[in-house]
Amino acid sequence: MPEEPIVRRLKIRNLLSFRSAAIDLRGLNVLIGPNGSGKTNLVEVLGLLQNAPGDLARTISKGGPIEEWLWKGAEESPTASIEASISKPPEPAPLRYFLEFAKVGFRFEITGEEIEVDTDGAIGFEMEFGRGTQAGGGVPRDFNPRLSILAQRKDPEHYPKITYLGDQFSNFRLYRDWEFGGVSDIRGPCDASLPNQHLAEDGSNLSVVLDRLLARPPVKNQILEYLRLFNENAADLRTSIEGGMVQTRLEEKHLNATIPLVRLSDGTIRWLALLTILLNPDPPPLVCIEEPELGLHPDMIHELGKLLIDASTRMQLIVATHSDRLIEEFTETPESVVVCEKRDGASQFRRLDARDLAAWLDRYSLGQLWTKGQIGGTRW
């Protein structure tokens, strides 16, 4: 687990399915729970932080009118908020970022925003209803209430805390709703000028990221090792550039030709995408993956678990799953698992504790305890 996962703690109020919820986050956080319990909504909350340095109002509008984001158990239209404790190496104290918004008139507006050092409360910025104060004092200034301060101040020299948070949030990666069918963007050749540092959330730059990773022998060896566990006939993985487009092809034993991505199985493409994310030696600070086990043969779930545990030493991982076989891989580290459940119409989080499960884990795996209903996160 990383010494300092980027997001240490989240508090969420009156947002989506959360009335008032808090979660302490580790390097690896595996979310389990019934459909509709709040797993995806937690990823949505992180997506709001990811988009705060950009056009947050537009992000909100894509998910429907602002009232569709607010917790529906309140008698009146509530004010929603996200409070995050964010690591900032090499400083020992994290930053506290607070974002509050509501329906004002008929539209989304930010009604409060704060950035401060978490231990002593020294405020770097605070805003209320569009009037902001920098560095805890001075003359209040007007800001656009539909944009976060992270989008309005991007200058590391004059606004180091604001710029740092904006950079970190914008580098979050959320992998959900992947498309791997025959005409999906992830399969085709891609423009060589696309960013190649991290896999795009739709996978459309897979070949350019692979081109960069395969050029590093230790990383290529890792990718091929895991690829051969998936497909014992895999001999090599190659990228080539023609006409400014990057293409990836798989070489298999006993064949006289290589196979392009467009002709590979959906499961193979998914596995390659997971390897590209989880074996990247220069990863994003935080990665969310929803149901990474989908489309994989059951024999590969063990290898997926190993990948996730290893990757969490380099990046903070939020993983949502419905697979008891994947949960079995965390039997030795049950604290990696967070149970999501709804009570009185509101989502809550509960992290497992190995001490509470010690007697059970002498006889059963964690996956078995889940399916037996002993750790929660089930429908009955």
Protein backbone atom coordinates (compact mmCIF):
# COMPACT_ATOMS: atom_id res chain seq x y z
CA MET A 1 0.00 0.00 0.00
CA PRO A 2 1.38 3.47 -0.79
CA GLU A 3 2.65 5.38 2.25
CA GLU A 4 0.51 8.32 1.24
CA PRO A 5 -2.53 7.52 -0.88
CA ILE A 6 -3.62 10.75 -2.52
CA VAL A 7 -7.15 10.78 -1.01
CA ARG A 8 -7.03 9.95 2.68
CA ARG A 9 -10.63 10.62 3.62
CA LEU A 10 -13.91 11.65 2.01
CA LYS A 11 -16.98 13.13 3.66
CA ILE A 12 -20.10 13.41 1.50
CA ARG A 13 -23.36 15.16 2.38
CA ASN A 14 -26.68 15.40 0.53
CA LEU A 15 -25.17 14.16 -2.74
CA LEU A 16 -26.58 11.33 -4.90
CA SER A 17 -27.40 8.47 -2.50
CA PHE A 18 -25.36 9.92 0.37
CA ARG A 19 -27.14 11.80 3.15
CA SER A 20 -24.08 11.93 5.39
CA ALA A 21 -21.27 9.43 4.78
CA ALA A 22 -17.55 9.25 5.45
CA ILE A 23 -14.88 6.84 4.28
CA ASP A 24 -11.18 6.54 5.12
CA LEU A 25 -9.35 5.45 1.99
CA ARG A 26 -6.26 3.27 1.67
CA GLY A 27 -4.03 2.34 -1.22
CA LEU A 28 -6.43 -0.45 -2.21
CA ASN A 29 -10.17 -0.08 -1.67
CA VAL A 30 -12.41 -2.87 -2.99
CA LEU A 31 -16.10 -1.96 -2.86
CA ILE A 32 -18.75 -4.65 -2.46
CA GLY A 33 -22.47 -4.38 -1.98
CA PRO A 34 -25.83 -4.94 -3.70
CA ASN A 35 -26.82 -3.07 -6.84
CA GLY A 36 -27.90 0.44 -5.92
CA SER A 37 -25.95 0.48 -2.65
CA GLY A 38 -23.70 3.41 -3.61
CA LYS A 39 -20.55 1.92 -5.16
CA THR A 40 -20.96 3.69 -8.48
CA ASN A 41 -22.05 6.87 -6.71
CA LEU A 42 -18.74 6.96 -4.84
CA VAL A 43 -16.99 6.82 -8.21
CA GLU A 44 -19.28 9.65 -9.38
CA VAL A 45 -18.17 11.75 -6.40
CA LEU A 46 -14.54 11.19 -7.31
CA GLY A 47 -15.50 12.13 -10.87
CA LEU A 48 -16.75 15.49 -9.59
CA LEU A 49 -13.36 16.09 -7.97
CA GLN A 50 -11.68 15.00 -11.21
CA ASN A 51 -13.68 17.58 -13.15
CA ALA A 52 -13.47 20.40 -10.62
CA PRO A 53 -10.40 21.90 -12.37
CA GLY A 54 -12.49 22.14 -15.57
CA ASP A 55 -16.09 22.94 -16.40
CA LEU A 56 -17.83 21.48 -13.37
CA ALA A 57 -21.22 22.91 -14.36
CA ARG A 58 -21.03 21.03 -17.66
CA THR A 59 -20.12 17.81 -15.84
CA ILE A 60 -23.16 18.24 -13.60
CA SER A 61 -25.44 18.93 -16.57
CA LYS A 62 -24.36 15.68 -18.28
CA GLY A 63 -25.79 13.79 -15.31
CA GLY A 64 -29.12 15.61 -15.51
CA PRO A 65 -30.46 18.76 -13.84
CA ILE A 66 -28.75 19.74 -10.59
CA GLU A 67 -31.69 18.45 -8.54
CA GLU A 68 -30.94 14.92 -9.80
CA TRP A 69 -27.58 15.09 -8.03
CA LEU A 70 -29.00 16.12 -4.66
CA TRP A 71 -30.04 13.54 -2.06
CA LYS A 72 -33.75 12.96 -2.47
CA GLY A 73 -34.51 12.09 1.14
CA ALA A 74 -34.47 15.73 2.22
CA GLU A 75 -37.77 17.59 2.60
CA GLU A 76 -36.38 20.62 0.78
CA SER A 77 -33.70 21.04 -1.86
CA PRO A 78 -30.49 20.53 0.16
CA THR A 79 -26.96 21.86 -0.18
CA ALA A 80 -24.51 19.13 -1.21
CA SER A 81 -20.88 18.99 -0.18
CA ILE A 82 -17.68 17.00 -0.64
CA GLU A 83 -14.84 17.27 1.85
CA ALA A 84 -11.57 15.55 0.98
CA SER A 85 -8.31 15.14 2.88
CA ILE A 86 -5.55 15.17 0.23
CA SER A 87 -1.90 14.18 0.69
CA LYS A 88 0.70 16.71 -0.43
CA PRO A 89 4.25 15.28 -0.24
CA PRO A 90 6.69 16.12 1.20
CA GLU A 91 4.53 18.07 3.65
CA PRO A 92 3.44 15.90 6.61
CA ALA A 93 0.00 17.50 6.85
CA PRO A 94 -2.64 16.88 4.20
CA LEU A 95 -4.72 19.56 2.54
CA ARG A 96 -8.42 19.83 3.27
CA TYR A 97 -10.53 20.58 0.21
CA PHE A 98 -14.17 21.48 0.72
CA LEU A 99 -16.69 21.98 -2.10
CA GLU A 100 -20.32 22.91 -1.51
CA PHE A 101 -22.98 23.44 -4.14
CA ALA A 102 -26.72 23.71 -4.52
CA LYS A 103 -29.57 24.52 -6.85
CA VAL A 104 -29.71 28.31 -6.99
CA GLY A 105 -32.70 29.46 -9.00
CA PHE A 106 -32.83 26.82 -11.70
CA ARG A 107 -29.15 26.05 -12.04
CA PHE A 108 -26.06 24.61 -10.37
CA GLU A 109 -23.89 27.02 -8.38
CA ILE A 110 -20.95 26.59 -6.03
CA THR A 111 -22.01 28.08 -2.70
CA GLY A 112 -18.81 27.42 -0.77
CA GLU A 113 -15.23 26.29 -1.36
CA GLU A 114 -12.22 26.06 0.95
CA ILE A 115 -8.61 24.90 0.75
CA GLU A 116 -6.66 24.69 3.97
CA VAL A 117 -3.94 22.74 5.77
CA ASP A 118 -5.75 19.96 7.59
CA THR A 119 -3.93 20.22 10.92
CA ASP A 120 -3.82 23.92 11.79
CA GLY A 121 -6.65 25.26 9.68
CA ALA A 122 -4.45 27.78 7.86
CA ILE A 123 -6.68 28.74 4.97
CA GLY A 124 -5.21 29.12 1.51
CA PHE A 125 -8.55 30.02 -0.08
CA GLU A 126 -12.19 30.32 0.87
CA MET A 127 -15.23 31.26 -1.18
CA GLU A 128 -18.89 31.74 -0.39
CA PHE A 129 -21.49 32.46 -3.05
CA GLY A 130 -18.88 33.61 -5.55
CA ARG A 131 -16.98 35.94 -3.19
CA GLY A 132 -13.51 34.57 -2.52
CA THR A 133 -10.60 35.44 -0.24
CA GLN A 134 -7.04 34.26 -0.95
CA ALA A 135 -4.52 33.38 1.78
CA GLY A 136 -6.96 33.90 4.64
CA GLY A 137 -7.37 37.64 4.21
CA GLY A 138 -7.32 40.59 1.88
CA VAL A 139 -10.08 42.18 -0.14
CA PRO A 140 -12.78 39.71 -1.25
CA ARG A 141 -12.84 39.13 -4.99
CA ASP A 142 -15.57 37.99 -7.31
CA PHE A 143 -15.34 34.51 -8.83
CA ASN A 144 -17.54 32.62 -11.26
CA PRO A 145 -19.88 30.61 -8.98
CA ARG A 146 -20.32 27.93 -11.65
CA LEU A 147 -16.59 27.17 -11.74
CA SER A 148 -14.36 25.84 -8.98
CA ILE A 149 -11.42 27.99 -7.93
CA LEU A 150 -9.31 25.09 -9.27
CA ALA A 151 -10.48 26.08 -12.75
CA GLN A 152 -10.00 29.82 -12.20
CA ARG A 153 -6.53 29.91 -10.67
CA LYS A 154 -3.77 27.82 -12.30
CA ASP A 155 -0.44 29.34 -11.31
CA PRO A 156 1.97 27.21 -9.22
CA GLU A 157 4.03 30.24 -8.19
CA HIS A 158 1.20 32.38 -6.82
CA TYR A 159 -1.37 29.67 -6.00
CA PRO A 160 0.64 26.53 -5.17
CA LYS A 161 -2.05 24.70 -3.13
CA ILE A 162 -4.81 25.47 -5.63
CA THR A 163 -2.64 24.41 -8.57
CA TYR A 164 -1.47 21.24 -6.82
CA LEU A 165 -5.03 20.12 -6.09
CA GLY A 166 -6.13 20.92 -9.63
CA ASP A 167 -3.28 18.91 -11.13
CA GLN A 168 -3.93 15.91 -8.88
CA PHE A 169 -7.68 15.85 -9.40
CA SER A 170 -7.47 16.23 -13.18
CA ASN A 171 -5.13 13.23 -13.33
CA PHE A 172 -7.62 10.87 -11.67
CA ARG A 173 -8.73 8.10 -14.07
CA LEU A 174 -12.15 6.46 -13.85
CA TYR A 175 -12.63 3.32 -15.95
CA ARG A 176 -16.29 2.40 -16.36
CA ASP A 177 -18.72 1.71 -19.19
CA TRP A 178 -15.92 0.28 -21.34
CA GLU A 179 -16.75 -0.79 -24.88
CA PHE A 180 -14.79 -3.71 -26.37
CA GLY A 181 -17.00 -4.70 -29.31
CA GLY A 182 -15.79 -5.06 -32.87
CA VAL A 183 -16.30 -1.39 -33.75
CA SER A 184 -15.15 0.15 -30.46
CA ASP A 185 -12.46 2.85 -30.52
CA ILE A 186 -10.13 0.80 -28.34
CA ARG A 187 -9.52 -1.72 -31.15
CA GLY A 188 -8.57 0.52 -34.04
CA PRO A 189 -5.25 2.18 -34.96
CA CYS A 190 -4.92 5.47 -33.11
CA ASP A 191 -3.31 8.80 -33.87
CA ALA A 192 0.34 8.81 -32.85
CA SER A 193 -0.08 12.33 -31.44
CA LEU A 194 -2.54 11.22 -28.75
CA PRO A 195 -1.37 11.44 -25.10
CA ASN A 196 0.53 8.28 -24.21
CA GLN A 197 1.11 8.65 -20.46
CA HIS A 198 -2.10 7.00 -19.26
CA LEU A 199 -4.87 4.98 -20.86
CA ALA A 200 -7.81 7.22 -21.74
CA GLU A 201 -11.02 6.41 -19.91
CA ASP A 202 -12.57 5.11 -23.15
CA GLY A 203 -9.39 3.20 -24.05
CA SER A 204 -9.11 5.00 -27.40
CA ASN A 205 -5.35 5.58 -27.02
CA LEU A 206 -4.51 1.98 -26.08
CA SER A 207 -1.99 1.48 -28.88
CA VAL A 208 0.00 4.67 -28.19
CA VAL A 209 0.24 3.85 -24.48
CA LEU A 210 1.32 0.30 -25.29
CA ASP A 211 3.88 1.69 -27.74
CA ARG A 212 5.45 3.66 -24.89
CA LEU A 213 5.32 0.82 -22.37
CA LEU A 214 6.63 -1.87 -24.73
CA ALA A 215 9.67 0.30 -25.45
CA ARG A 216 10.77 -0.26 -21.84
CA PRO A 217 12.11 -3.85 -21.60
CA PRO A 218 11.25 -4.50 -17.92
CA VAL A 219 7.68 -3.31 -18.45
CA LYS A 220 7.33 -5.25 -21.70
CA ASN A 221 8.50 -8.41 -19.93
CA GLN A 222 5.82 -7.92 -17.28
CA ILE A 223 3.09 -7.33 -19.84
CA LEU A 224 4.10 -10.43 -21.81
CA GLU A 225 4.29 -12.54 -18.65
CA TYR A 226 0.71 -11.69 -17.71
CA LEU A 227 -0.45 -11.95 -21.31
CA ARG A 228 0.93 -15.49 -21.54
CA LEU A 229 -0.94 -16.42 -18.38
CA PHE A 230 -4.07 -15.33 -20.22
CA ASN A 231 -3.11 -16.85 -23.59
CA GLU A 232 -0.42 -19.52 -23.50
CA ASN A 233 0.17 -19.09 -27.24
CA ALA A 234 1.10 -15.41 -26.96
CA ALA A 235 4.64 -15.01 -28.26
CA ASP A 236 5.02 -11.25 -28.60
CA LEU A 237 3.15 -7.97 -28.67
CA ARG A 238 4.24 -5.38 -31.20
CA THR A 239 3.33 -1.84 -32.15
CA SER A 240 4.03 -0.13 -35.47
CA ILE A 241 3.44 3.35 -36.87
CA GLU A 242 2.19 3.85 -40.40
CA GLY A 243 0.84 7.11 -41.79
CA GLY A 244 0.87 8.69 -38.34
CA MET A 245 -1.30 5.91 -36.87
CA VAL A 246 -0.20 3.39 -34.23
CA GLN A 247 -1.34 -0.22 -34.55
CA THR A 248 -0.89 -3.08 -32.05
CA ARG A 249 -0.60 -6.68 -33.18
CA LEU A 250 -0.31 -9.94 -31.27
CA GLU A 251 2.09 -12.65 -32.41
CA GLU A 252 1.02 -16.18 -31.50
CA LYS A 253 3.04 -19.38 -31.63
CA HIS A 254 2.62 -21.60 -34.67
CA LEU A 255 1.13 -18.79 -36.79
CA ASN A 256 2.78 -17.15 -39.80
CA ALA A 257 1.03 -13.82 -39.29
CA THR A 258 0.26 -11.42 -36.45
CA ILE A 259 -3.25 -10.54 -35.26
CA PRO A 260 -4.44 -6.91 -35.00
CA LEU A 261 -6.49 -5.68 -32.06
CA VAL A 262 -9.63 -5.58 -34.17
CA ARG A 263 -9.52 -9.39 -34.51
CA LEU A 264 -8.79 -10.22 -30.86
CA SER A 265 -11.47 -11.43 -28.45
CA ASP A 266 -13.25 -8.98 -26.15
CA GLY A 267 -11.66 -10.68 -23.14
CA THR A 268 -8.16 -10.32 -24.60
CA ILE A 269 -8.69 -6.61 -25.27
CA ARG A 270 -10.02 -6.12 -21.74
CA TRP A 271 -7.01 -7.94 -20.27
CA LEU A 272 -4.62 -5.80 -22.34
CA ALA A 273 -6.37 -2.65 -21.13
CA LEU A 274 -6.08 -3.80 -17.50
CA LEU A 275 -2.37 -4.57 -17.98
CA THR A 276 -1.84 -1.15 -19.52
CA ILE A 277 -3.42 0.50 -16.47
CA LEU A 278 -2.06 -1.67 -13.67
CA LEU A 279 1.51 -2.24 -14.94
CA ASN A 280 2.15 1.39 -15.85
CA PRO A 281 5.28 2.41 -13.88
CA ASP A 282 4.20 6.09 -14.04
CA PRO A 283 0.54 5.79 -13.04
CA PRO A 284 -2.11 8.39 -12.22
CA PRO A 285 -2.46 9.25 -8.52
CA LEU A 286 -5.88 7.58 -8.29
CA VAL A 287 -7.57 4.98 -10.49
CA CYS A 288 -11.16 3.70 -10.26
CA ILE A 289 -12.14 0.50 -12.07
CA GLU A 290 -15.70 -0.80 -12.05
CA GLU A 291 -16.08 -4.57 -12.26
CA PRO A 292 -12.65 -5.41 -13.72
CA GLU A 293 -13.53 -9.12 -13.67
CA LEU A 294 -16.16 -8.82 -16.41
CA GLY A 295 -15.33 -10.82 -19.55
CA LEU A 296 -12.46 -12.71 -17.92
CA HIS A 297 -12.24 -16.48 -17.56
CA PRO A 298 -12.62 -17.54 -13.88
CA ASP A 299 -9.05 -18.91 -13.91
CA MET A 300 -7.77 -15.33 -14.41
CA ILE A 301 -9.43 -13.86 -11.31
CA HIS A 302 -6.51 -14.96 -9.13
CA GLU A 303 -4.05 -13.18 -11.43
CA LEU A 304 -6.27 -10.10 -11.46
CA GLY A 305 -6.22 -10.01 -7.66
CA LYS A 306 -2.42 -10.19 -7.66
CA LEU A 307 -2.29 -7.37 -10.20
CA LEU A 308 -4.54 -5.14 -8.11
CA ILE A 309 -2.59 -5.73 -4.90
CA ASP A 310 0.73 -5.02 -6.62
CA ALA A 311 -0.58 -1.95 -8.46
CA SER A 312 -1.89 -0.44 -5.21
CA THR A 313 1.73 0.06 -4.12
CA ARG A 314 2.13 2.57 -6.98
CA MET A 315 -1.33 4.16 -7.28
CA GLN A 316 -4.44 4.49 -5.17
CA LEU A 317 -7.09 2.06 -6.40
CA ILE A 318 -10.86 2.12 -5.99
CA VAL A 319 -12.35 -1.12 -7.36
CA ALA A 320 -16.05 -2.02 -7.44
CA THR A 321 -16.88 -5.70 -7.87
CA HIS A 322 -19.66 -8.29 -7.64
CA SER A 323 -17.22 -11.23 -7.83
CA ASP A 324 -16.89 -13.44 -4.75
CA ARG A 325 -13.91 -15.10 -6.47
CA LEU A 326 -12.11 -11.78 -6.64
CA ILE A 327 -12.93 -11.03 -3.00
CA GLU A 328 -11.31 -14.35 -2.06
CA GLU A 329 -7.99 -12.87 -3.19
CA PHE A 330 -8.15 -10.41 -0.27
CA THR A 331 -8.64 -13.05 2.44
CA GLU A 332 -5.21 -12.15 3.88
CA THR A 333 -6.00 -8.42 3.77
CA PRO A 334 -9.71 -8.03 4.56
CA GLU A 335 -9.13 -4.36 5.41
CA SER A 336 -8.90 -3.78 1.66
CA VAL A 337 -12.64 -4.44 1.37
CA VAL A 338 -15.29 -1.79 1.98
CA VAL A 339 -18.92 -2.85 2.36
CA CYS A 340 -21.49 -0.50 0.81
CA GLU A 341 -25.06 -0.70 2.07
CA LYS A 342 -28.16 1.47 2.19
CA ARG A 343 -29.93 2.34 5.42
CA ASP A 344 -33.09 4.44 5.47
CA GLY A 345 -32.51 5.36 1.84
CA ALA A 346 -28.91 6.55 2.30
CA SER A 347 -25.62 4.86 1.39
CA GLN A 348 -23.08 4.04 4.10
CA PHE A 349 -19.56 2.57 4.10
CA ARG A 350 -17.99 0.02 6.45
CA ARG A 351 -14.42 -1.22 6.10
CA LEU A 352 -13.77 -4.82 7.17
CA ASP A 353 -11.58 -5.48 10.20
CA ALA A 354 -9.38 -8.60 10.28
CA ARG A 355 -9.72 -8.82 14.07
CA ASP A 356 -13.49 -9.13 13.86
CA LEU A 357 -13.20 -11.88 11.25
CA ALA A 358 -10.29 -13.88 12.69
CA ALA A 359 -12.37 -16.84 13.90
CA TRP A 360 -14.32 -17.03 10.63
CA LEU A 361 -11.23 -16.73 8.42
CA ASP A 362 -9.72 -19.81 10.09
CA ARG A 363 -12.43 -21.85 8.33
CA TYR A 364 -13.61 -19.84 5.33
CA SER A 365 -12.26 -17.56 2.65
CA LEU A 366 -13.44 -13.97 2.49
CA GLY A 367 -15.44 -14.72 -0.64
CA GLN A 368 -17.25 -17.56 1.13
CA LEU A 369 -18.06 -15.31 4.10
CA TRP A 370 -19.53 -12.74 1.71
CA THR A 371 -21.80 -15.21 -0.08
CA LYS A 372 -22.87 -16.65 3.29
CA GLY A 373 -23.94 -13.19 4.40
CA GLN A 374 -21.43 -12.96 7.27
CA ILE A 375 -19.83 -9.64 6.26
CA GLY A 376 -22.83 -7.81 4.81
CA GLY A 377 -23.04 -6.37 1.35
CA THR A 378 -25.68 -8.89 0.24
CA ARG A 379 -29.35 -8.47 -0.66
CA TRP A 380 -30.58 -10.76 2.11
